[in-house]
Protein backbone atom coordinates (compact mmCIF):
# COMPACT_ATOMS: atom_id res chain seq x y z
CA MET A 1 13.02 -14.06 1.20
CA ALA A 2 9.97 -13.42 3.39
CA ALA A 3 10.09 -9.72 2.48
CA THR A 4 10.01 -10.61 -1.23
CA ASP A 5 6.96 -12.81 -0.68
CA GLN A 6 5.31 -10.03 1.27
CA VAL A 7 5.88 -7.51 -1.53
CA GLY A 8 4.42 -9.98 -4.03
CA ASP A 9 1.35 -10.45 -1.85
CA GLN A 10 0.89 -6.71 -1.53
CA VAL A 11 0.92 -6.01 -5.27
CA SER A 12 -2.59 -5.01 -6.22
CA ASP A 13 -4.42 -5.95 -9.39
CA GLN A 14 -4.00 -2.35 -10.52
CA VAL A 15 -0.22 -2.53 -10.18
CA LYS A 16 -0.18 -5.88 -11.99
CA ALA A 17 -2.15 -4.30 -14.84
CA LEU A 18 0.35 -1.42 -14.99
CA LEU A 19 3.30 -3.84 -15.08
CA LYS A 20 1.65 -5.73 -17.93
CA CYS A 21 1.14 -2.42 -19.75
CA LEU A 22 4.87 -1.62 -19.42
CA ALA A 23 6.08 -5.11 -20.39
CA LYS A 24 7.17 -4.28 -23.95
CA GLN A 25 8.42 -0.71 -23.77
CA PRO A 26 8.60 2.38 -21.56
CA LEU A 27 5.45 4.50 -21.77
CA THR A 28 4.22 7.87 -20.57
CA ALA A 29 1.61 8.00 -17.83
CA LEU A 30 -0.96 9.15 -20.38
CA ALA A 31 -0.18 6.24 -22.71
CA CYS A 32 -0.54 3.78 -19.82
CA MET A 33 -3.85 5.32 -18.83
CA LYS A 34 -5.11 5.00 -22.40
CA LYS A 35 -4.06 1.33 -22.60
CA LEU A 36 -5.76 0.63 -19.28
CA GLY A 37 -8.93 2.49 -20.26
CA LEU A 38 -8.57 5.13 -17.54
CA ALA A 39 -9.35 8.84 -17.75
CA HIS A 40 -8.91 10.17 -14.20
CA ARG A 41 -5.24 11.02 -13.69
CA PRO A 42 -5.32 11.41 -9.86
CA THR A 43 -6.84 7.93 -9.47
CA PHE A 44 -4.25 6.48 -11.84
CA ARG A 45 -1.42 8.05 -9.85
CA LYS A 46 -2.82 6.97 -6.47
CA ASN A 47 -3.83 3.39 -7.34
CA TYR A 48 -1.42 2.40 -10.09
CA LEU A 49 1.66 4.59 -10.50
CA GLN A 50 2.65 5.53 -6.94
CA PRO A 51 2.29 2.03 -5.43
CA ALA A 52 4.43 0.58 -8.24
CA LEU A 53 7.08 3.28 -7.78
CA ASP A 54 7.05 2.86 -3.97
CA ALA A 55 7.50 -0.91 -4.30
CA GLY A 56 10.41 -0.42 -6.69
CA LEU A 57 8.65 -2.35 -9.47
CA ILE A 58 8.89 0.47 -11.99
CA GLU A 59 11.18 3.46 -12.43
CA ARG A 60 11.19 6.78 -14.21
CA THR A 61 13.24 7.15 -17.39
CA LEU A 62 14.11 10.68 -16.25
CA PRO A 63 14.58 10.27 -12.47
CA ASP A 64 15.92 13.81 -12.02
CA LYS A 65 12.83 15.33 -13.69
CA PRO A 66 9.73 13.61 -12.25
CA ASN A 67 7.36 16.21 -13.74
CA SER A 68 8.88 16.34 -17.22
CA SER A 69 6.49 16.12 -20.17
CA LEU A 70 8.95 13.60 -21.63
CA GLN A 71 8.75 11.35 -18.55
CA LYS A 72 8.19 7.66 -19.19
CA TYR A 73 8.02 4.66 -16.91
CA ARG A 74 9.60 1.22 -17.31
CA HIS A 75 10.12 -1.96 -15.34
CA SER A 76 12.75 -1.49 -12.70
CA ALA A 77 16.13 -3.06 -13.39
CA LYS A 78 16.39 -3.93 -9.70
CA PRO A 79 15.51 -7.52 -8.73
């Protein structure tokens, strides 16, 4: 249980904003950036997308094709 609390404490405001963005439906990275008012893709990946993926909070809809133009992201089904 302590590990779960630690993960919750480590979730940044950026990751929280991304999770809120993905609450209703899976979206592409570009759609998330637009909803969040961001234009710089490297910053989005570094501060929003990668931390959420690393923490297991979101997942790719096409896990075998991480660079696909059809790639979308959704909340992880894992607890």
